[in-house]
Protein backbone atom coordinates (compact mmCIF):
# COMPACT_ATOMS: atom_id res chain seq x y z
CA UNK A 1 105.96 111.45 94.07
CA UNK A 2 104.39 112.76 97.28
CA UNK A 3 100.99 112.60 95.57
CA UNK A 4 101.59 108.95 94.66
CA UNK A 5 102.85 108.25 98.17
CA UNK A 6 99.73 109.83 99.70
CA UNK A 7 97.52 107.77 97.38
CA UNK A 8 99.27 104.54 98.39
CA UNK A 9 98.96 105.44 102.09
CA UNK A 10 95.23 106.12 101.76
CA UNK A 11 94.12 103.70 99.04
CA UNK A 12 96.39 100.71 99.78
CA UNK A 13 97.31 101.36 103.42
CA UNK A 14 94.00 102.48 104.90
CA UNK A 15 91.66 101.70 102.02
CA UNK A 16 89.91 104.92 103.04
CA UNK A 17 86.19 104.86 102.30
CA UNK A 18 83.91 107.68 101.18
CA UNK A 19 82.26 109.36 104.14
CA UNK A 20 84.90 108.11 106.58
CA UNK A 21 86.77 110.20 109.17
CA UNK A 22 90.56 110.24 108.86
CA UNK A 23 92.78 110.90 111.88
CA UNK A 24 96.45 111.73 111.21
CA UNK A 25 99.22 111.61 113.83
CA UNK A 26 102.36 113.32 112.56
CA UNK A 27 105.52 115.22 113.57
CA UNK A 28 105.44 118.92 112.70
CA UNK A 29 108.36 118.39 110.28
CA UNK A 30 106.05 116.29 108.07
CA UNK A 31 103.74 119.20 107.32
CA UNK A 32 104.32 119.16 103.54
CA UNK A 33 103.35 115.49 103.29
CA UNK A 34 100.40 115.89 105.68
CA UNK A 35 99.01 118.68 103.52
CA UNK A 36 99.17 116.37 100.50
CA UNK A 37 97.51 113.53 102.45
CA UNK A 38 94.66 115.80 103.60
CA UNK A 39 94.03 117.03 100.06
CA UNK A 40 94.07 113.47 98.69
CA UNK A 41 91.76 112.25 101.47
CA UNK A 42 89.09 114.77 100.55
CA UNK A 43 89.50 113.86 96.86
CA UNK A 44 88.76 110.25 97.83
CA UNK A 45 85.67 111.41 99.72
CA UNK A 46 86.65 111.62 103.38
CA UNK A 47 83.97 113.07 105.66
CA UNK A 48 86.55 115.01 107.66
CA UNK A 49 90.24 114.96 108.56
CA UNK A 50 91.76 115.64 111.97
CA UNK A 51 95.49 116.08 112.58
CA UNK A 52 97.37 115.64 115.85
CA UNK A 53 100.84 117.18 115.66
CA UNK A 54 103.83 116.16 117.76
CA UNK A 55 107.10 117.98 118.50
CA UNK A 56 109.91 115.88 119.94
CA UNK A 57 111.76 118.92 121.33
CA UNK A 58 108.68 119.88 123.36
CA UNK A 59 108.24 116.25 124.43
CA UNK A 60 111.87 116.09 125.55
CA UNK A 61 111.56 119.36 127.48
CA UNK A 62 108.44 118.09 129.25
CA UNK A 63 109.96 114.73 130.15
CA UNK A 64 113.07 116.40 131.58
CA UNK A 65 111.34 119.19 133.53
CA UNK A 66 107.76 118.30 134.43
CA UNK A 67 107.06 117.10 137.99
CA UNK A 68 107.00 113.32 138.31
CA UNK A 69 103.31 113.50 139.29
CA UNK A 70 102.56 115.18 135.94
CA UNK A 71 104.17 112.25 134.11
CA UNK A 72 101.84 109.92 136.00
CA UNK A 73 98.71 111.58 134.64
CA UNK A 74 97.15 111.15 131.19
CA UNK A 75 94.44 113.54 129.93
CA UNK A 76 90.97 112.07 129.77
CA UNK A 77 90.19 114.09 126.62
CA UNK A 78 92.78 112.12 124.65
CA UNK A 79 91.09 108.86 125.61
CA UNK A 80 87.70 110.33 124.65
CA UNK A 81 89.09 111.39 121.25
CA UNK A 82 90.36 107.86 120.54
CA UNK A 83 87.09 106.32 121.66
CA UNK A 84 85.18 108.74 119.42
CA UNK A 85 87.28 107.73 116.42
CA UNK A 86 86.79 104.01 117.12
CA UNK A 87 83.05 104.40 117.66
CA UNK A 88 82.76 106.39 114.41
CA UNK A 89 84.69 103.67 112.49
CA UNK A 90 87.32 106.16 111.39
CA UNK A 91 90.81 105.39 110.10
CA UNK A 92 94.21 106.26 111.59
CA UNK A 93 97.32 107.21 109.64
CA UNK A 94 100.48 107.48 111.77
CA UNK A 95 103.48 109.21 110.22
CA UNK A 96 106.83 108.35 111.77
CA UNK A 97 110.20 110.00 111.22
CA UNK A 98 111.59 111.58 114.35
CA UNK A 99 115.13 111.87 115.68
CA UNK A 100 116.23 108.40 116.93
CA UNK A 101 118.32 110.13 119.63
CA UNK A 102 115.67 112.66 120.65
CA UNK A 103 115.36 111.49 124.26
CA UNK A 104 118.86 110.18 124.92
CA UNK A 105 119.47 112.85 127.60
CA UNK A 106 116.24 112.08 129.47
CA UNK A 107 116.71 109.83 132.54
CA UNK A 108 115.45 106.31 131.70
CA UNK A 109 113.30 106.18 134.84
CA UNK A 110 111.36 109.26 133.71
CA UNK A 111 110.81 107.73 130.26
CA UNK A 112 109.66 104.54 131.97
CA UNK A 113 107.12 106.37 134.15
CA UNK A 114 105.74 108.32 131.19
CA UNK A 115 105.54 105.28 128.91
CA UNK A 116 103.76 103.19 131.55
CA UNK A 117 101.29 106.03 132.15
CA UNK A 118 100.47 106.28 128.44
CA UNK A 119 100.21 102.51 127.95
CA UNK A 120 98.05 102.01 131.05
CA UNK A 121 95.66 104.81 130.13
CA UNK A 122 95.37 103.51 126.55
CA UNK A 123 95.11 99.82 127.43
CA UNK A 124 91.57 99.44 126.11
CA UNK A 125 92.30 101.59 123.06
CA UNK A 126 95.35 99.44 122.27
CA UNK A 127 93.28 96.25 122.62
CA UNK A 128 90.63 97.58 120.22
CA UNK A 129 93.24 98.77 117.71
CA UNK A 130 95.21 95.48 117.82
CA UNK A 131 91.93 93.64 117.28
CA UNK A 132 91.56 95.65 114.03
CA UNK A 133 88.33 97.29 115.06
CA UNK A 134 89.23 99.99 112.52
CA UNK A 135 91.83 100.40 109.76
CA UNK A 136 95.22 101.83 110.67
CA UNK A 137 98.48 102.35 108.83
CA UNK A 138 102.00 103.56 109.61
CA UNK A 139 104.11 105.35 106.99
CA UNK A 140 107.24 107.53 107.22
CA UNK A 141 108.46 110.97 106.22
CA UNK A 142 112.06 112.22 106.59
CA UNK A 143 113.21 114.84 109.05
CA UNK A 144 116.61 116.55 109.19
CA UNK A 145 117.79 114.87 112.37
CA UNK A 146 116.63 111.44 111.21
CA UNK A 147 118.49 111.95 107.91
CA UNK A 148 121.60 113.01 109.84
CA UNK A 149 121.47 109.81 111.90
CA UNK A 150 120.95 107.54 108.88
CA UNK A 151 123.05 109.26 106.20
CA UNK A 152 125.52 111.36 108.19
CA UNK A 153 124.08 114.52 106.64
CA UNK A 154 120.80 116.42 106.90
CA UNK A 155 119.76 115.36 103.40
CA UNK A 156 116.02 114.80 103.69
CA UNK A 157 115.59 114.51 99.90
CA UNK A 158 117.96 111.55 99.75
CA UNK A 159 116.28 109.86 102.72
CA UNK A 160 112.91 110.44 101.06
CA UNK A 161 114.24 108.61 97.98
CA UNK A 162 115.08 105.63 100.22
CA UNK A 163 111.64 105.74 101.81
CA UNK A 164 109.83 105.88 98.47
CA UNK A 165 111.92 103.04 97.05
CA UNK A 166 111.28 100.85 100.08
CA UNK A 167 107.58 101.70 99.81
CA UNK A 168 107.42 100.70 96.14
CA UNK A 169 106.46 104.21 95.00
CA UNK A 170 107.86 103.69 91.49
CA UNK A 171 106.12 103.31 88.14
CA UNK A 172 102.60 102.13 88.96
CA UNK A 173 102.62 101.90 92.79
CA UNK A 174 99.17 100.30 93.05
CA UNK A 175 100.19 97.51 90.64
CA UNK A 176 103.49 97.08 92.52
CA UNK A 177 101.61 96.59 95.76
CA UNK A 178 99.10 94.15 94.31
CA UNK A 179 101.94 91.92 93.04
CA UNK A 180 103.84 92.19 96.32
CA UNK A 181 100.76 91.30 98.37
CA UNK A 182 100.12 88.23 96.18
CA UNK A 183 103.71 87.00 96.72
CA UNK A 184 103.43 87.33 100.49
CA UNK A 185 100.05 85.61 100.55
CA UNK A 186 101.45 82.52 98.79
CA UNK A 187 103.94 81.87 101.58
CA UNK A 188 101.36 82.77 104.21
CA UNK A 189 98.99 80.09 102.89
CA UNK A 190 101.79 77.49 103.05
CA UNK A 191 102.56 78.29 106.70
CA UNK A 192 98.89 78.27 107.70
CA UNK A 193 98.35 74.90 106.05
CA UNK A 194 101.38 73.37 107.82
CA UNK A 195 100.40 74.54 111.35
CA UNK A 196 103.89 73.92 112.76
CA UNK A 197 104.25 73.10 116.45
CA UNK A 198 107.56 74.94 116.79
CA UNK A 199 109.97 77.20 114.96
CA UNK A 200 113.71 76.70 115.42
CA UNK A 201 116.14 79.61 114.94
CA UNK A 202 119.87 79.04 114.45
CA UNK A 203 122.38 81.81 113.77
CA UNK A 204 125.15 83.96 115.28
CA UNK A 205 124.43 84.24 119.01
CA UNK A 206 121.05 82.61 118.48
CA UNK A 207 119.76 79.14 119.31
CA UNK A 208 116.07 79.51 120.03
CA UNK A 209 112.97 77.31 119.94
CA UNK A 210 109.61 79.07 119.68
CA UNK A 211 106.38 77.16 120.24
CA UNK A 212 103.27 78.15 118.31
CA UNK A 213 99.74 77.98 119.76
CA UNK A 214 97.11 75.63 118.43
CA UNK A 215 95.06 77.17 115.59
CA UNK A 216 97.54 80.01 115.13
CA UNK A 217 97.14 82.21 112.06
CA UNK A 218 99.98 83.64 109.97
CA UNK A 219 99.27 87.09 108.54
CA UNK A 220 101.00 89.26 105.96
CA UNK A 221 100.55 92.59 104.21
CA UNK A 222 96.75 92.88 104.24
CA UNK A 223 94.43 92.51 107.18
CA UNK A 224 90.68 92.97 107.53
CA UNK A 225 88.98 95.25 110.03
CA UNK A 226 85.73 94.43 111.81
CA UNK A 227 83.73 96.16 109.07
CA UNK A 228 85.19 93.76 106.49
CA UNK A 229 87.47 96.37 104.89
CA UNK A 230 90.93 95.19 103.81
CA UNK A 231 93.91 97.38 104.77
CA UNK A 232 97.73 97.27 104.97
CA UNK A 233 98.96 98.29 108.47
CA UNK A 234 102.58 99.03 107.52
CA UNK A 235 104.04 100.70 104.44
CA UNK A 236 106.57 99.34 103.68
CA UNK A 237 105.90 95.74 104.73
CA UNK A 238 107.87 92.57 104.03
CA UNK A 239 106.91 90.46 107.04
CA UNK A 240 104.82 87.35 107.53
CA UNK A 241 103.93 87.07 111.21
CA UNK A 242 101.97 85.24 113.89
CA UNK A 243 101.83 84.97 117.67
CA UNK A 244 104.14 82.57 119.55
CA UNK A 245 102.98 80.48 122.50
CA UNK A 246 103.89 82.59 125.50
CA UNK A 247 105.03 79.60 127.60
CA UNK A 248 106.99 77.68 124.97
CA UNK A 249 110.01 79.84 124.17
CA UNK A 250 113.43 78.48 125.14
CA UNK A 251 117.03 79.34 124.30
CA UNK A 252 119.06 82.40 123.43
CA UNK A 253 118.60 85.12 120.81
CA UNK A 254 120.79 88.08 119.80
CA UNK A 255 119.62 91.19 117.98
CA UNK A 256 120.87 91.91 114.46
CA UNK A 257 119.90 95.60 114.12
CA UNK A 258 119.59 98.43 116.66
CA UNK A 259 116.29 98.92 118.46
CA UNK A 260 115.14 102.54 118.84
CA UNK A 261 112.76 103.00 121.76
CA UNK A 262 111.49 106.30 123.11
CA UNK A 263 114.24 108.23 121.36
CA UNK A 264 116.98 105.91 122.67
CA UNK A 265 119.07 103.30 120.87
CA UNK A 266 119.42 99.77 122.29
CA UNK A 267 121.97 97.55 120.58
CA UNK A 268 124.16 94.45 120.85
CA UNK A 269 121.81 92.72 123.27
CA UNK A 270 121.21 89.08 124.08
CA UNK A 271 118.13 87.54 125.70
CA UNK A 272 117.84 84.14 127.36
CA UNK A 273 114.39 82.52 127.56
CA UNK A 274 113.13 79.70 129.73
CA UNK A 275 109.54 78.46 129.42
CA UNK A 276 108.52 81.68 127.70
CA UNK A 277 110.10 84.19 130.06
CA UNK A 278 113.31 86.22 129.77
CA UNK A 279 115.51 85.01 132.62
CA UNK A 280 118.73 86.81 131.64
CA UNK A 281 119.59 89.76 129.42
CA UNK A 282 122.50 92.05 128.62
CA UNK A 283 123.09 94.94 126.24
CA UNK A 284 126.25 96.82 125.31
CA UNK A 285 124.19 99.90 124.39
CA UNK A 286 121.07 101.07 126.23
CA UNK A 287 120.77 98.31 128.81
CA UNK A 288 118.87 100.58 131.23
CA UNK A 289 116.29 101.37 128.53
CA UNK A 290 115.97 97.65 127.74
CA UNK A 291 115.35 97.06 131.44
CA UNK A 292 112.64 99.72 131.37
CA UNK A 293 110.82 97.88 128.57
CA UNK A 294 111.06 94.53 130.32
CA UNK A 295 109.76 96.00 133.58
CA UNK A 296 106.63 97.46 131.99
CA UNK A 297 104.67 94.48 133.32
CA UNK A 298 104.94 90.69 133.52
CA UNK A 299 103.90 90.22 129.89
CA UNK A 300 106.75 92.43 128.67
CA UNK A 301 109.19 89.65 129.63
CA UNK A 302 107.70 87.33 127.01
CA UNK A 303 107.02 87.57 123.26
CA UNK A 304 103.86 88.61 121.44
CA UNK A 305 104.99 88.38 117.83
CA UNK A 306 107.19 86.25 115.62
CA UNK A 307 107.81 87.63 112.13
CA UNK A 308 109.78 86.21 109.20
CA UNK A 309 111.43 88.58 106.69
CA UNK A 310 113.92 87.54 103.96
CA UNK A 311 117.30 89.26 103.62
CA UNK A 312 116.71 89.76 99.89
CA UNK A 313 113.96 92.26 100.68
CA UNK A 314 114.41 95.77 99.17
CA UNK A 315 115.12 97.32 102.57
CA UNK A 316 117.77 94.80 103.60
CA UNK A 317 119.51 95.16 100.24
CA UNK A 318 119.90 98.90 100.85
CA UNK A 319 122.43 97.97 103.56
CA UNK A 320 121.18 100.93 105.55
CA UNK A 321 120.25 101.03 109.23
CA UNK A 322 117.27 103.36 109.48
CA UNK A 323 117.10 103.51 113.29
CA UNK A 324 113.35 103.31 112.79
CA UNK A 325 111.35 100.19 113.57
CA UNK A 326 109.00 100.57 110.59
CA UNK A 327 111.96 100.07 108.23
CA UNK A 328 114.37 97.97 110.26
CA UNK A 329 111.69 95.40 111.17
CA UNK A 330 110.99 95.01 107.46
CA UNK A 331 114.67 94.46 106.74
CA UNK A 332 115.00 91.40 108.97
CA UNK A 333 113.11 88.68 110.80
CA UNK A 334 112.04 89.91 114.21
CA UNK A 335 110.18 89.33 117.44
CA UNK A 336 108.21 91.67 119.69
CA UNK A 337 108.20 91.97 123.45
CA UNK A 338 104.72 92.17 124.94
CA UNK A 339 101.19 91.92 123.64
CA UNK A 340 100.16 89.53 120.88
CA UNK A 341 97.72 90.42 118.13
CA UNK A 342 94.40 88.65 118.91
CA UNK A 343 93.77 87.97 115.22
CA UNK A 344 96.83 85.67 115.16
CA UNK A 345 94.71 82.86 116.57
CA UNK A 346 91.36 81.47 115.44
CA UNK A 347 88.49 83.48 117.00
CA UNK A 348 91.03 85.49 118.98
CA UNK A 349 89.23 88.80 118.41
CA UNK A 350 86.22 87.31 120.24
CA UNK A 351 88.28 86.32 123.31
CA UNK A 352 88.88 88.33 126.46
CA UNK A 353 92.40 88.62 127.89
CA UNK A 354 92.08 85.58 130.14
CA UNK A 355 90.87 83.45 127.23
CA UNK A 356 93.77 84.68 125.09
CA UNK A 357 96.24 83.69 127.81
CA UNK A 358 94.61 80.28 128.17
CA UNK A 359 95.16 79.75 124.46
CA UNK A 360 98.85 80.71 124.71
CA UNK A 361 98.78 84.36 123.61
CA UNK A 362 100.74 86.91 125.58
CA UNK A 363 99.06 90.01 127.04
CA UNK A 364 100.85 93.19 128.06
CA UNK A 365 100.66 96.98 128.08
CA UNK A 366 103.46 97.14 125.52
CA UNK A 367 104.44 95.79 122.10
CA UNK A 368 108.03 96.49 120.98
CA UNK A 369 109.64 94.94 117.89
CA UNK A 370 113.32 93.99 117.77
CA UNK A 371 115.28 92.56 114.85
CA UNK A 372 117.13 89.22 114.84
CA UNK A 373 117.40 88.09 111.19
CA UNK A 374 120.60 88.16 109.13
CA UNK A 375 122.42 86.44 106.25
CA UNK A 376 123.55 83.60 108.53
CA UNK A 377 120.18 82.80 110.11
CA UNK A 378 118.38 79.52 109.43
CA UNK A 379 114.75 78.96 110.44
CA UNK A 380 113.02 75.59 110.58
CA UNK A 381 109.40 74.54 111.05
CA UNK A 382 108.82 71.47 113.23
CA UNK A 383 105.64 69.40 113.35
CA UNK A 384 105.28 65.94 114.89
CA UNK A 385 109.05 65.47 114.73
CA UNK A 386 109.34 66.47 111.06
CA UNK A 387 111.75 69.36 110.42
CA UNK A 388 111.28 71.55 107.33
CA UNK A 389 113.71 74.30 106.35
CA UNK A 390 111.80 77.57 105.91
CA UNK A 391 114.69 80.03 105.62
CA UNK A 392 118.33 79.30 104.82
CA UNK A 393 120.93 82.02 105.24
CA UNK A 394 118.08 84.43 105.77
CA UNK A 395 116.21 83.64 102.52
CA UNK A 396 112.97 81.74 101.90
CA UNK A 397 113.46 78.21 100.54
CA UNK A 398 109.79 77.18 100.60
């Protein structure tokens, strides 16, 4: 099963090409899977494979004990490594699966300083990645502490079963993914043809109107990098998404699933928007961390992504909170604070930041998804006064 999973990550996710460099970012607990990925990559014909390991215990220790000035510095060699990979047209596989509560004992202000340092230093790298200059993909692998949070026991084998099921690693995975991609593309074509002016969200604690920019583009499952290679950024993926107009968001929205950010859980929060900006917010859990996100910069107080996900998706039907954005965002419709993807508007990848803003797209140092969809959510598309029901009780009706 790990072999099949590695093949899907590389062949469907990254569409890794012969002679291409692969860069893997992974927690040390994912070593068994990383070894399988490296072996499979060379079987496909990779030129070379580099691995960057992370250890959340070491990260936590550093964030708690390092001098503040150290948290304000970012090593130039890491930037050079990312630039090298982009210039060489490599591919990036990120493996997620850490402890959702890893940093809960770290003061929020120290997390905020560190996060802003990383995001500021990588601003150009983030812009190039979000413009799909190269292929990238995010997958998951279970760790003991993540399993404990999700299942109540350190049963990584059971959590791996959930991950593989959500990722369609059953029977013929490649065929499964081809059929799934075709289904998503059908709805994507409908939305792109309609070119709605607004979306209207109605549900528990939610009454929100979201404007869409002119010539916006809905995307799903597959994307294309600047070399013309098709790839799938997230495995699993159930979403169909675009960029909202940063100045045309009004009303109130309430989250439906917890948001895990920097090893902290944020939950039961409500946001009030006026003309695209968050003017009021409250959270029963993690309000200080939510405040840290919103204070990243001015763009963090608006939205950069609107994504529609049905509640009859495999992940939602598991009735399991994963405390991991990769899975929870694919269980429910969601938004994202911060930067918009430039490819969500016609010719957006050719625009600079000022041009993107002029066309209604949000710019920011951050991009953080949060979930809002549920079984009582209705979503409507509005164009020239006509109102079309897109989702009823969380399910597609188009």
